């Protein structure tokens, strides 16, 4: 399993499960290790998106909008959609790592 991106690792796992292909414990562990190593970059990306959204929100507040309206307006920005997708991917990674560790404990 020589995969180098989060998406390709998740896609490989998903494809193998859909096709009911056997996966060795070592492959499960390998996928978990790679996902864990790559997750740091995604975590940094999420932090950057949160910062951008706060700046957008602050801009609306400086323009005279209320805090509540600024939050709502920031959430309709395209950055917010990207942020939500990144957070969802992070949750999928955490679950994939958890499942991989459980699968690795099973007999092949």
PDB file of N, CA and C in Angstrom:
ATOM      1  N   UNK A   1       0.843  -1.169   0.000  1.00  0.00           N
ATOM      2  CA  UNK A   1       0.000   0.000   0.000  1.00  0.00           C
ATOM      3  C   UNK A   1       0.892   1.237   0.000  1.00  0.00           C
ATOM      4  N   UNK A   2       1.466   1.573  -1.111  1.00  0.00           N
ATOM      5  CA  UNK A   2       2.396   2.707  -1.228  1.00  0.00           C
ATOM      6  C   UNK A   2       1.608   3.954  -1.628  1.00  0.00           C
ATOM      7  N   UNK A   3       0.837   4.489  -0.679  1.00  0.00           N
ATOM      8  CA  UNK A   3       0.004   5.652  -0.939  1.00  0.00           C
ATOM      9  C   UNK A   3       0.525   6.841  -0.157  1.00  0.00           C
ATOM     10  N   UNK A   4       0.379   8.019  -0.739  1.00  0.00           N
ATOM     11  CA  UNK A   4       1.020   9.168  -0.118  1.00  0.00           C
ATOM     12  C   UNK A   4       0.081  10.304   0.250  1.00  0.00           C
ATOM     13  N   UNK A   5      -1.180  10.216  -0.091  1.00  0.00           N
ATOM     14  CA  UNK A   5      -2.094  11.288   0.277  1.00  0.00           C
ATOM     15  C   UNK A   5      -3.222  10.723   1.124  1.00  0.00           C
ATOM     16  N   UNK A   6      -3.790  11.588   1.930  1.00  0.00           N
ATOM     17  CA  UNK A   6      -4.915  11.177   2.767  1.00  0.00           C
ATOM     18  C   UNK A   6      -6.042  10.646   1.901  1.00  0.00           C
ATOM     19  N   UNK A   7      -6.362  11.372   0.841  1.00  0.00           N
ATOM     20  CA  UNK A   7      -7.466  10.956  -0.026  1.00  0.00           C
ATOM     21  C   UNK A   7      -7.216   9.592  -0.651  1.00  0.00           C
ATOM     22  N   UNK A   8      -6.007   9.353  -1.128  1.00  0.00           N
ATOM     23  CA  UNK A   8      -5.734   8.073  -1.780  1.00  0.00           C
ATOM     24  C   UNK A   8      -5.768   6.918  -0.771  1.00  0.00           C
ATOM     25  N   UNK A   9      -5.325   7.162   0.445  1.00  0.00           N
ATOM     26  CA  UNK A   9      -5.372   6.112   1.468  1.00  0.00           C
ATOM     27  C   UNK A   9      -6.819   5.803   1.827  1.00  0.00           C
ATOM     28  N   UNK A  10      -7.620   6.841   2.059  1.00  0.00           N
ATOM     29  CA  UNK A  10      -9.030   6.628   2.392  1.00  0.00           C
ATOM     30  C   UNK A  10      -9.775   5.956   1.240  1.00  0.00           C
ATOM     31  N   UNK A  11      -9.486   6.367   0.009  1.00  0.00           N
ATOM     32  CA  UNK A  11     -10.129   5.756  -1.157  1.00  0.00           C
ATOM     33  C   UNK A  11      -9.752   4.280  -1.285  1.00  0.00           C
ATOM     34  N   UNK A  12      -8.489   3.966  -1.030  1.00  0.00           N
ATOM     35  CA  UNK A  12      -8.041   2.576  -1.106  1.00  0.00           C
ATOM     36  C   UNK A  12      -8.755   1.714  -0.069  1.00  0.00           C
ATOM     37  N   UNK A  13      -8.838   2.210   1.141  1.00  0.00           N
ATOM     38  CA  UNK A  13      -9.535   1.462   2.198  1.00  0.00           C
ATOM     39  C   UNK A  13     -10.995   1.266   1.812  1.00  0.00           C
ATOM     40  N   UNK A  14     -11.639   2.342   1.371  1.00  0.00           N
ATOM     41  CA  UNK A  14     -13.047   2.270   0.999  1.00  0.00           C
ATOM     42  C   UNK A  14     -13.270   1.274  -0.143  1.00  0.00           C
ATOM     43  N   UNK A  15     -12.402   1.309  -1.145  1.00  0.00           N
ATOM     44  CA  UNK A  15     -12.532   0.402  -2.288  1.00  0.00           C
ATOM     45  C   UNK A  15     -12.372  -1.051  -1.862  1.00  0.00           C
ATOM     46  N   UNK A  16     -11.389  -1.314  -1.018  1.00  0.00           N
ATOM     47  CA  UNK A  16     -11.164  -2.682  -0.546  1.00  0.00           C
ATOM     48  C   UNK A  16     -12.358  -3.198   0.253  1.00  0.00           C
ATOM     49  N   UNK A  17     -12.940  -2.349   1.072  1.00  0.00           N
ATOM     50  CA  UNK A  17     -14.097  -2.746   1.870  1.00  0.00           C
ATOM     51  C   UNK A  17     -15.294  -2.991   0.953  1.00  0.00           C
ATOM     52  N   UNK A  18     -15.524  -2.103  -0.008  1.00  0.00           N
ATOM     53  CA  UNK A  18     -16.646  -2.259  -0.936  1.00  0.00           C
ATOM     54  C   UNK A  18     -16.538  -3.554  -1.743  1.00  0.00           C
ATOM     55  N   UNK A  19     -15.319  -3.893  -2.139  1.00  0.00           N
ATOM     56  CA  UNK A  19     -15.096  -5.090  -2.953  1.00  0.00           C
ATOM     57  C   UNK A  19     -14.880  -6.337  -2.099  1.00  0.00           C
ATOM     58  N   UNK A  20     -14.997  -6.165  -0.774  1.00  0.00           N
ATOM     59  CA  UNK A  20     -14.843  -7.271   0.162  1.00  0.00           C
ATOM     60  C   UNK A  20     -13.498  -7.985  -0.014  1.00  0.00           C
ATOM     61  N   UNK A  21     -12.456  -7.205  -0.275  1.00  0.00           N
ATOM     62  CA  UNK A  21     -11.113  -7.752  -0.433  1.00  0.00           C
ATOM     63  C   UNK A  21     -10.477  -7.930   0.942  1.00  0.00           C
ATOM     64  N   UNK A  22      -9.804  -9.048   1.132  1.00  0.00           N
ATOM     65  CA  UNK A  22      -9.113  -9.213   2.417  1.00  0.00           C
ATOM     66  C   UNK A  22      -7.943  -8.221   2.528  1.00  0.00           C
ATOM     67  N   UNK A  23      -7.766  -7.696   3.722  1.00  0.00           N
ATOM     68  CA  UNK A  23      -6.689  -6.753   3.986  1.00  0.00           C
ATOM     69  C   UNK A  23      -5.907  -7.300   5.171  1.00  0.00           C
ATOM     70  N   UNK A  24      -4.618  -7.429   4.997  1.00  0.00           N
ATOM     71  CA  UNK A  24      -3.795  -7.998   6.062  1.00  0.00           C
ATOM     72  C   UNK A  24      -3.695  -7.014   7.238  1.00  0.00           C
ATOM     73  N   UNK A  25      -3.445  -7.545   8.441  1.00  0.00           N
ATOM     74  CA  UNK A  25      -3.256  -6.661   9.589  1.00  0.00           C
ATOM     75  C   UNK A  25      -2.148  -5.630   9.347  1.00  0.00           C
ATOM     76  N   UNK A  26      -1.080  -6.038   8.663  1.00  0.00           N
ATOM     77  CA  UNK A  26       0.010  -5.110   8.381  1.00  0.00           C
ATOM     78  C   UNK A  26      -0.446  -3.956   7.495  1.00  0.00           C
ATOM     79  N   UNK A  27      -1.307  -4.240   6.513  1.00  0.00           N
ATOM     80  CA  UNK A  27      -1.828  -3.181   5.647  1.00  0.00           C
ATOM     81  C   UNK A  27      -2.728  -2.219   6.417  1.00  0.00           C
ATOM     82  N   UNK A  28      -3.523  -2.756   7.358  1.00  0.00           N
ATOM     83  CA  UNK A  28      -4.353  -1.900   8.196  1.00  0.00           C
ATOM     84  C   UNK A  28      -3.474  -0.966   9.024  1.00  0.00           C
ATOM     85  N   UNK A  29      -2.437  -1.536   9.640  1.00  0.00           N
ATOM     86  CA  UNK A  29      -1.539  -0.725  10.456  1.00  0.00           C
ATOM     87  C   UNK A  29      -0.792   0.300   9.615  1.00  0.00           C
ATOM     88  N   UNK A  30      -0.367  -0.105   8.437  1.00  0.00           N
ATOM     89  CA  UNK A  30       0.340   0.797   7.539  1.00  0.00           C
ATOM     90  C   UNK A  30      -0.548   1.989   7.171  1.00  0.00           C
ATOM     91  N   UNK A  31      -1.813   1.701   6.867  1.00  0.00           N
ATOM     92  CA  UNK A  31      -2.753   2.774   6.527  1.00  0.00           C
ATOM     93  C   UNK A  31      -2.945   3.702   7.724  1.00  0.00           C
ATOM     94  N   UNK A  32      -3.091   3.137   8.918  1.00  0.00           N
ATOM     95  CA  UNK A  32      -3.284   3.956  10.122  1.00  0.00           C
ATOM     96  C   UNK A  32      -2.076   4.848  10.380  1.00  0.00           C
ATOM     97  N   UNK A  33      -0.889   4.298  10.219  1.00  0.00           N
ATOM     98  CA  UNK A  33       0.326   5.076  10.447  1.00  0.00           C
ATOM     99  C   UNK A  33       0.448   6.228   9.453  1.00  0.00           C
ATOM    100  N   UNK A  34       0.169   5.941   8.193  1.00  0.00           N
ATOM    101  CA  UNK A  34       0.261   6.988   7.176  1.00  0.00           C
ATOM    102  C   UNK A  34      -0.785   8.076   7.404  1.00  0.00           C
ATOM    103  N   UNK A  35      -2.012   7.656   7.729  1.00  0.00           N
ATOM    104  CA  UNK A  35      -3.052   8.645   7.989  1.00  0.00           C
ATOM    105  C   UNK A  35      -2.688   9.524   9.185  1.00  0.00           C
ATOM    106  N   UNK A  36      -2.181   8.895  10.215  1.00  0.00           N
ATOM    107  CA  UNK A  36      -1.798   9.648  11.406  1.00  0.00           C
ATOM    108  C   UNK A  36      -0.681  10.640  11.089  1.00  0.00           C
ATOM    109  N   UNK A  37       0.283  10.213  10.302  1.00  0.00           N
ATOM    110  CA  UNK A  37       1.401  11.092   9.941  1.00  0.00           C
ATOM    111  C   UNK A  37       0.930  12.261   9.077  1.00  0.00           C
ATOM    112  N   UNK A  38       0.019  11.999   8.163  1.00  0.00           N
ATOM    113  CA  UNK A  38      -0.453  13.036   7.248  1.00  0.00           C
ATOM    114  C   UNK A  38      -1.500  13.951   7.875  1.00  0.00           C
ATOM    115  N   UNK A  39      -2.126  13.502   8.948  1.00  0.00           N
ATOM    116  CA  UNK A  39      -3.196  14.277   9.576  1.00  0.00           C
ATOM    117  C   UNK A  39      -2.693  15.612  10.119  1.00  0.00           C
ATOM    118  N   UNK A  40      -1.434  15.686  10.489  1.00  0.00           N
ATOM    119  CA  UNK A  40      -0.881  16.941  11.003  1.00  0.00           C
ATOM    120  C   UNK A  40      -1.009  18.074  10.002  1.00  0.00           C
ATOM    121  N   UNK A  41      -0.770  17.787   8.741  1.00  0.00           N
ATOM    122  CA  UNK A  41      -0.920  18.821   7.705  1.00  0.00           C
ATOM    123  C   UNK A  41      -2.367  19.283   7.605  1.00  0.00           C
ATOM    124  N   UNK A  42      -3.294  18.330   7.683  1.00  0.00           N
ATOM    125  CA  UNK A  42      -4.708  18.687   7.628  1.00  0.00           C
ATOM    126  C   UNK A  42      -5.103  19.509   8.852  1.00  0.00           C
ATOM    127  N   UNK A  43      -4.589  19.131  10.014  1.00  0.00           N
ATOM    128  CA  UNK A  43      -4.875  19.901  11.227  1.00  0.00           C
ATOM    129  C   UNK A  43      -4.390  21.342  11.092  1.00  0.00           C
ATOM    130  N   UNK A  44      -3.225  21.522  10.503  1.00  0.00           N
ATOM    131  CA  UNK A  44      -2.703  22.880  10.265  1.00  0.00           C
ATOM    132  C   UNK A  44      -3.583  23.645   9.284  1.00  0.00           C
ATOM    133  N   UNK A  45      -4.056  22.950   8.259  1.00  0.00           N
ATOM    134  CA  UNK A  45      -4.941  23.560   7.269  1.00  0.00           C
ATOM    135  C   UNK A  45      -6.242  24.017   7.937  1.00  0.00           C
ATOM    136  N   UNK A  46      -6.776  23.183   8.824  1.00  0.00           N
ATOM    137  CA  UNK A  46      -8.007  23.535   9.537  1.00  0.00           C
ATOM    138  C   UNK A  46      -7.780  24.761  10.412  1.00  0.00           C
ATOM    139  N   UNK A  47      -6.651  24.800  11.096  1.00  0.00           N
ATOM    140  CA  UNK A  47      -6.325  25.961  11.935  1.00  0.00           C
ATOM    141  C   UNK A  47      -6.235  27.227  11.082  1.00  0.00           C
ATOM    142  N   UNK A  48      -5.634  27.120   9.899  1.00  0.00           N
ATOM    143  CA  UNK A  48      -5.545  28.275   8.992  1.00  0.00           C
ATOM    144  C   UNK A  48      -6.930  28.746   8.556  1.00  0.00           C
ATOM    145  N   UNK A  49      -7.829  27.780   8.266  1.00  0.00           N
ATOM    146  CA  UNK A  49      -9.195  28.147   7.875  1.00  0.00           C
ATOM    147  C   UNK A  49      -9.916  28.843   9.022  1.00  0.00           C
ATOM    148  N   UNK A  50      -9.745  28.338  10.239  1.00  0.00           N
ATOM    149  CA  UNK A  50     -10.379  28.972  11.394  1.00  0.00           C
ATOM    150  C   UNK A  50      -9.889  30.411  11.544  1.00  0.00           C
ATOM    151  N   UNK A  51      -8.594  30.613  11.353  1.00  0.00           N
ATOM    152  CA  UNK A  51      -8.031  31.956  11.453  1.00  0.00           C
ATOM    153  C   UNK A  51      -8.611  32.869  10.371  1.00  0.00           C
ATOM    154  N   UNK A  52      -8.693  32.363   9.138  1.00  0.00           N
ATOM    155  CA  UNK A  52      -9.268  33.155   8.045  1.00  0.00           C
ATOM    156  C   UNK A  52     -10.707  33.542   8.350  1.00  0.00           C
ATOM    157  N   UNK A  53     -11.469  32.584   8.887  1.00  0.00           N
ATOM    158  CA  UNK A  53     -12.869  32.862   9.199  1.00  0.00           C
ATOM    159  C   UNK A  53     -13.003  33.911  10.300  1.00  0.00           C
ATOM    160  N   UNK A  54     -12.121  33.842  11.285  1.00  0.00           N
ATOM    161  CA  UNK A  54     -12.135  34.856  12.339  1.00  0.00           C
ATOM    162  C   UNK A  54     -11.811  36.240  11.776  1.00  0.00           C
ATOM    163  N   UNK A  55     -10.880  36.298  10.829  1.00  0.00           N
ATOM    164  CA  UNK A  55     -10.544  37.577  10.203  1.00  0.00           C
ATOM    165  C   UNK A  55     -11.728  38.111   9.392  1.00  0.00           C
ATOM    166  N   UNK A  56     -12.423  37.219   8.700  1.00  0.00           N
ATOM    167  CA  UNK A  56     -13.600  37.627   7.929  1.00  0.00           C
ATOM    168  C   UNK A  56     -14.664  38.172   8.876  1.00  0.00           C
ATOM    169  N   UNK A  57     -14.891  37.436   9.964  1.00  0.00           N
ATOM    170  CA  UNK A  57     -15.871  37.857  10.965  1.00  0.00           C
ATOM    171  C   UNK A  57     -15.482  39.214  11.566  1.00  0.00           C
ATOM    172  N   UNK A  58     -14.216  39.371  11.896  1.00  0.00           N
ATOM    173  CA  UNK A  58     -13.736  40.640  12.467  1.00  0.00           C
ATOM    174  C   UNK A  58     -13.946  41.785  11.483  1.00  0.00           C
ATOM    175  N   UNK A  59     -13.748  41.512  10.206  1.00  0.00           N
ATOM    176  CA  UNK A  59     -13.965  42.540   9.186  1.00  0.00           C
ATOM    177  C   UNK A  59     -15.405  43.019   9.164  1.00  0.00           C
ATOM    178  N   UNK A  60     -16.348  42.084   9.285  1.00  0.00           N
ATOM    179  CA  UNK A  60     -17.757  42.468   9.322  1.00  0.00           C
ATOM    180  C   UNK A  60     -18.070  43.289  10.572  1.00  0.00           C
ATOM    181  N   UNK A  61     -17.482  42.900  11.698  1.00  0.00           N
ATOM    182  CA  UNK A  61     -17.712  43.637  12.940  1.00  0.00           C
ATOM    183  C   UNK A  61     -17.152  45.053  12.819  1.00  0.00           C
ATOM    184  N   UNK A  62     -15.965  45.184  12.219  1.00  0.00           N
ATOM    185  CA  UNK A  62     -15.373  46.511  12.019  1.00  0.00           C
ATOM    186  C   UNK A  62     -16.223  47.378  11.092  1.00  0.00           C
ATOM    187  N   UNK A  63     -16.948  46.704  10.197  1.00  0.00           N
ATOM    188  CA  UNK A  63     -17.829  47.443   9.284  1.00  0.00           C
ATOM    189  C   UNK A  63     -19.162  47.810   9.936  1.00  0.00           C
ATOM    190  N   UNK A  64     -19.314  47.453  11.226  1.00  0.00           N
ATOM    191  CA  UNK A  64     -20.517  47.851  11.958  1.00  0.00           C
ATOM    192  C   UNK A  64     -21.562  46.777  12.156  1.00  0.00           C
ATOM    193  N   UNK A  65     -21.307  45.579  11.690  1.00  0.00           N
ATOM    194  CA  UNK A  65     -22.280  44.498  11.869  1.00  0.00           C
ATOM    195  C   UNK A  65     -22.220  43.984  13.305  1.00  0.00           C
ATOM    196  N   UNK A  66     -23.324  43.410  13.763  1.00  0.00           N
ATOM    197  CA  UNK A  66     -23.328  42.798  15.086  1.00  0.00           C
ATOM    198  C   UNK A  66     -22.512  41.516  15.038  1.00  0.00           C
ATOM    199  N   UNK A  67     -22.133  41.050  16.203  1.00  0.00           N
ATOM    200  CA  UNK A  67     -21.345  39.821  16.288  1.00  0.00           C
ATOM    201  C   UNK A  67     -22.107  38.643  15.675  1.00  0.00           C
ATOM    202  N   UNK A  68     -23.389  38.546  15.985  1.00  0.00           N
ATOM    203  CA  UNK A  68     -24.200  37.437  15.461  1.00  0.00           C
ATOM    204  C   UNK A  68     -24.291  37.485  13.939  1.00  0.00           C
ATOM    205  N   UNK A  69     -24.516  38.681  13.403  1.00  0.00           N
ATOM    206  CA  UNK A  69     -24.613  38.823  11.952  1.00  0.00           C
ATOM    207  C   UNK A  69     -23.262  38.565  11.295  1.00  0.00           C
ATOM    208  N   UNK A  70     -22.179  39.011  11.946  1.00  0.00           N
ATOM    209  CA  UNK A  70     -20.838  38.775  11.415  1.00  0.00           C
ATOM    210  C   UNK A  70     -20.550  37.282  11.326  1.00  0.00           C
ATOM    211  N   UNK A  71     -20.950  36.532  12.343  1.00  0.00           N
ATOM    212  CA  UNK A  71     -20.744  35.076  12.322  1.00  0.00           C
ATOM    213  C   UNK A  71     -21.525  34.435  11.179  1.00  0.00           C
ATOM    214  N   UNK A  72     -22.755  34.874  11.009  1.00  0.00           N
ATOM    215  CA  UNK A  72     -23.589  34.336   9.928  1.00  0.00           C
ATOM    216  C   UNK A  72     -22.999  34.673   8.563  1.00  0.00           C
ATOM    217  N   UNK A  73     -22.586  35.909   8.390  1.00  0.00           N
ATOM    218  CA  UNK A  73     -21.998  36.314   7.111  1.00  0.00           C
ATOM    219  C   UNK A  73     -20.694  35.575   6.833  1.00  0.00           C
ATOM    220  N   UNK A  74     -19.899  35.336   7.858  1.00  0.00           N
ATOM    221  CA  UNK A  74     -18.650  34.588   7.678  1.00  0.00           C
ATOM    222  C   UNK A  74     -18.936  33.156   7.237  1.00  0.00           C
ATOM    223  N   UNK A  75     -20.053  32.608   7.696  1.00  0.00           N
ATOM    224  CA  UNK A  75     -20.393  31.218   7.359  1.00  0.00           C
ATOM    225  C   UNK A  75     -20.893  31.044   5.933  1.00  0.00           C
ATOM    226  N   UNK A  76     -21.239  32.125   5.271  1.00  0.00           N
ATOM    227  CA  UNK A  76     -21.644  31.985   3.869  1.00  0.00           C
ATOM    228  C   UNK A  76     -20.468  32.209   2.929  1.00  0.00           C
ATOM    229  N   UNK A  77     -19.312  32.506   3.474  1.00  0.00           N
ATOM    230  CA  UNK A  77     -18.096  32.658   2.678  1.00  0.00           C
ATOM    231  C   UNK A  77     -17.646  31.273   2.194  1.00  0.00           C
ATOM    232  N   UNK A  78     -17.045  31.212   1.023  1.00  0.00           N
ATOM    233  CA  UNK A  78     -16.591  29.922   0.488  1.00  0.00           C
ATOM    234  C   UNK A  78     -15.539  29.265   1.392  1.00  0.00           C
ATOM    235  N   UNK A  79     -14.785  30.061   2.138  1.00  0.00           N
ATOM    236  CA  UNK A  79     -13.791  29.505   3.059  1.00  0.00           C
ATOM    237  C   UNK A  79     -14.461  28.610   4.100  1.00  0.00           C
ATOM    238  N   UNK A  80     -15.670  28.968   4.507  1.00  0.00           N
ATOM    239  CA  UNK A  80     -16.373  28.186   5.525  1.00  0.00           C
ATOM    240  C   UNK A  80     -16.719  26.810   4.988  1.00  0.00           C
ATOM    241  N   UNK A  81     -17.123  26.732   3.745  1.00  0.00           N
ATOM    242  CA  UNK A  81     -17.445  25.440   3.130  1.00  0.00           C
ATOM    243  C   UNK A  81     -16.195  24.557   3.079  1.00  0.00           C
ATOM    244  N   UNK A  82     -15.083  25.125   2.692  1.00  0.00           N
ATOM    245  CA  UNK A  82     -13.824  24.380   2.647  1.00  0.00           C
ATOM    246  C   UNK A  82     -13.434  23.935   4.052  1.00  0.00           C
ATOM    247  N   UNK A  83     -13.619  24.811   5.015  1.00  0.00           N
ATOM    248  CA  UNK A  83     -13.331  24.510   6.415  1.00  0.00           C
ATOM    249  C   UNK A  83     -14.161  23.317   6.898  1.00  0.00           C
ATOM    250  N   UNK A  84     -15.466  23.326   6.602  1.00  0.00           N
ATOM    251  CA  UNK A  84     -16.338  22.225   7.029  1.00  0.00           C
ATOM    252  C   UNK A  84     -15.918  20.895   6.399  1.00  0.00           C
ATOM    253  N   UNK A  85     -15.539  20.948   5.134  1.00  0.00           N
ATOM    254  CA  UNK A  85     -15.097  19.727   4.465  1.00  0.00           C
ATOM    255  C   UNK A  85     -13.799  19.206   5.067  1.00  0.00           C
ATOM    256  N   UNK A  86     -12.890  20.106   5.421  1.00  0.00           N
ATOM    257  CA  UNK A  86     -11.628  19.701   6.046  1.00  0.00           C
ATOM    258  C   UNK A  86     -11.879  19.080   7.424  1.00  0.00           C
ATOM    259  N   UNK A  87     -12.798  19.670   8.191  1.00  0.00           N
ATOM    260  CA  UNK A  87     -13.133  19.112   9.498  1.00  0.00           C
ATOM    261  C   UNK A  87     -13.773  17.736   9.359  1.00  0.00           C
ATOM    262  N   UNK A  88     -14.645  17.567   8.361  1.00  0.00           N
ATOM    263  CA  UNK A  88     -15.280  16.272   8.134  1.00  0.00           C
ATOM    264  C   UNK A  88     -14.231  15.229   7.749  1.00  0.00           C
ATOM    265  N   UNK A  89     -13.276  15.618   6.929  1.00  0.00           N
ATOM    266  CA  UNK A  89     -12.204  14.701   6.540  1.00  0.00           C
ATOM    267  C   UNK A  89     -11.389  14.302   7.766  1.00  0.00           C
ATOM    268  N   UNK A  90     -11.131  15.246   8.648  1.00  0.00           N
ATOM    269  CA  UNK A  90     -10.380  14.959   9.866  1.00  0.00           C
ATOM    270  C   UNK A  90     -11.101  13.913  10.708  1.00  0.00           C
ATOM    271  N   UNK A  91     -12.414  14.043  10.811  1.00  0.00           N
ATOM    272  CA  UNK A  91     -13.201  13.057  11.567  1.00  0.00           C
ATOM    273  C   UNK A  91     -13.163  11.686  10.902  1.00  0.00           C
ATOM    274  N   UNK A  92     -13.217  11.651   9.561  1.00  0.00           N
ATOM    275  CA  UNK A  92     -13.116  10.371   8.843  1.00  0.00           C
ATOM    276  C   UNK A  92     -11.758   9.726   9.071  1.00  0.00           C
ATOM    277  N   UNK A  93     -10.719  10.540   9.122  1.00  0.00           N
ATOM    278  CA  UNK A  93      -9.372  10.014   9.360  1.00  0.00           C
ATOM    279  C   UNK A  93      -9.289   9.391  10.745  1.00  0.00           C
ATOM    280  N   UNK A  94      -9.811  10.098  11.738  1.00  0.00           N
ATOM    281  CA  UNK A  94      -9.789   9.566  13.101  1.00  0.00           C
ATOM    282  C   UNK A  94     -10.517   8.225  13.161  1.00  0.00           C
ATOM    283  N   UNK A  95     -11.668   8.154  12.532  1.00  0.00           N
ATOM    284  CA  UNK A  95     -12.438   6.900  12.529  1.00  0.00           C
ATOM    285  C   UNK A  95     -11.713   5.807  11.742  1.00  0.00           C
ATOM    286  N   UNK A  96     -11.101   6.165  10.629  1.00  0.00           N
ATOM    287  CA  UNK A  96     -10.361   5.179   9.839  1.00  0.00           C
ATOM    288  C   UNK A  96      -9.178   4.626  10.625  1.00  0.00           C
ATOM    289  N   UNK A  97      -8.498   5.479  11.369  1.00  0.00           N
ATOM    290  CA  UNK A  97      -7.375   5.022  12.193  1.00  0.00           C
ATOM    291  C   UNK A  97      -7.883   4.078  13.277  1.00  0.00           C
ATOM    292  N   UNK A  98      -8.986   4.443  13.912  1.00  0.00           N
ATOM    293  CA  UNK A  98      -9.562   3.596  14.958  1.00  0.00           C
ATOM    294  C   UNK A  98      -9.949   2.225  14.400  1.00  0.00           C
ATOM    295  N   UNK A  99     -10.630   2.224  13.267  1.00  0.00           N
ATOM    296  CA  UNK A  99     -11.045   0.968  12.643  1.00  0.00           C
ATOM    297  C   UNK A  99      -9.825   0.163  12.200  1.00  0.00           C
ATOM    298  N   UNK A 100      -8.836   0.830  11.643  1.00  0.00           N
ATOM    299  CA  UNK A 100      -7.620   0.140  11.196  1.00  0.00           C
ATOM    300  C   UNK A 100      -6.932  -0.572  12.352  1.00  0.00           C
ATOM    301  N   UNK A 101      -6.871   0.098  13.501  1.00  0.00           N
ATOM    302  CA  UNK A 101      -6.237  -0.527  14.667  1.00  0.00           C
ATOM    303  C   UNK A 101      -7.029  -1.742  15.128  1.00  0.00           C
ATOM    304  N   UNK A 102      -8.359  -1.637  15.088  1.00  0.00           N
ATOM    305  CA  UNK A 102      -9.184  -2.790  15.470  1.00  0.00           C
ATOM    306  C   UNK A 102      -9.026  -3.939  14.468  1.00  0.00           C
ATOM    307  N   UNK A 103      -9.009  -3.587  13.198  1.00  0.00           N
ATOM    308  CA  UNK A 103      -8.856  -4.617  12.156  1.00  0.00           C
ATOM    309  C   UNK A 103      -7.497  -5.296  12.247  1.00  0.00           C
ATOM    310  N   UNK A 104      -6.476  -4.545  12.598  1.00  0.00           N
ATOM    311  CA  UNK A 104      -5.126  -5.113  12.683  1.00  0.00           C
ATOM    312  C   UNK A 104      -5.030  -6.145  13.797  1.00  0.00           C
ATOM    313  N   UNK A 105      -5.887  -6.014  14.795  1.00  0.00           N
ATOM    314  CA  UNK A 105      -5.887  -6.972  15.908  1.00  0.00           C
ATOM    315  C   UNK A 105      -6.596  -8.281  15.547  1.00  0.00           C
ATOM    316  N   UNK A 106      -7.394  -8.225  14.499  1.00  0.00           N
ATOM    317  CA  UNK A 106      -8.153  -9.415  14.069  1.00  0.00           C
ATOM    318  C   UNK A 106      -7.215 -10.368  13.333  1.00  0.00           C
ATOM    319  N   UNK A 107      -7.578 -11.620  13.327  1.00  0.00           N
ATOM    320  CA  UNK A 107      -6.798 -12.601  12.560  1.00  0.00           C
ATOM    321  C   UNK A 107      -7.054 -12.404  11.082  1.00  0.00           C
ATOM    322  N   UNK A 108      -6.019 -12.581  10.300  1.00  0.00           N
ATOM    323  CA  UNK A 108      -6.117 -12.393   8.853  1.00  0.00           C
ATOM    324  C   UNK A 108      -6.728 -13.595   8.221  1.00  0.00           C
TER     325      UNK A 108
END
